Amino acid sequence: MARWSYEVFDFSGSTDKLKERLNLLGTDGWELVNFTPQTAAAEAGSMRLVLKREPKLSGGR
């Protein structure tokens, strides 16, 4: 049975850049699960994102 793939990464930048990044990830099947502002750098727009992607089914031969 295939499992979900999860990615965690830190993002720093403007909201427009974040939306652009999430749109690109969305086209590859990634979905935002959670985000947490990084307390020390919250003013700078830094946050930790958790994304998940449904397993890709491999085609038969």
Protein backbone atom coordinates (compact mmCIF):
# COMPACT_ATOMS: atom_id res chain seq x y z
CA MET A 1 0.00 0.00 0.00
CA ALA A 2 1.37 3.39 -1.00
CA ARG A 3 1.90 6.05 1.65
CA TRP A 4 1.52 9.80 1.60
CA SER A 5 4.71 11.78 1.11
CA TYR A 6 5.31 14.60 3.57
CA GLU A 7 7.68 17.55 3.26
CA VAL A 8 8.58 20.16 5.85
CA PHE A 9 10.41 23.29 4.82
CA ASP A 10 11.08 26.77 6.10
CA PHE A 11 9.88 29.69 4.02
CA SER A 12 10.86 33.31 4.28
CA GLY A 13 9.44 35.98 2.03
CA SER A 14 6.38 37.96 1.06
CA THR A 15 2.86 36.55 0.94
CA ASP A 16 2.91 36.89 -2.84
CA LYS A 17 6.02 34.71 -3.02
CA LEU A 18 4.38 32.19 -0.69
CA LYS A 19 1.23 32.03 -2.85
CA GLU A 20 3.39 31.59 -5.95
CA ARG A 21 5.35 28.77 -4.29
CA LEU A 22 2.18 26.99 -3.10
CA ASN A 23 0.62 27.27 -6.56
CA LEU A 24 3.70 25.64 -8.09
CA LEU A 25 3.66 22.88 -5.49
CA GLY A 26 -0.08 22.41 -6.02
CA THR A 27 0.44 21.67 -9.70
CA ASP A 28 2.72 18.81 -8.64
CA GLY A 29 0.08 17.37 -6.30
CA TRP A 30 1.29 18.88 -3.00
CA GLU A 31 -1.28 20.10 -0.49
CA LEU A 32 -0.66 22.41 2.49
CA VAL A 33 -1.31 20.58 5.76
CA ASN A 34 -0.06 23.05 8.35
CA PHE A 35 2.03 26.18 8.74
CA THR A 36 3.65 27.65 11.80
CA PRO A 37 5.10 31.17 12.00
CA GLN A 38 8.67 31.08 13.25
CA THR A 39 8.41 33.15 16.44
CA ALA A 40 11.82 34.78 16.33
CA ALA A 41 11.42 35.80 12.70
CA ALA A 42 7.64 36.29 12.52
CA GLU A 43 8.06 39.93 11.61
CA ALA A 44 10.15 38.92 8.61
CA GLY A 45 7.42 36.61 7.29
CA SER A 46 9.27 33.41 8.09
CA MET A 47 7.28 30.23 8.60
CA ARG A 48 7.52 26.45 8.59
CA LEU A 49 5.25 24.69 6.10
CA VAL A 50 4.10 21.07 6.16
CA LEU A 51 2.90 19.65 2.85
CA LYS A 52 1.63 16.26 1.81
CA ARG A 53 1.27 14.59 -1.55
CA GLU A 54 -0.83 11.61 -2.48
CA PRO A 55 1.27 8.70 -3.70
CA LYS A 56 1.60 8.56 -7.45
CA LEU A 57 0.43 5.30 -8.89
CA SER A 58 2.85 3.73 -11.30
CA GLY A 59 1.38 2.61 -14.58
CA GLY A 60 1.20 -1.04 -15.54
CA ARG A 61 3.44 -2.54 -18.19
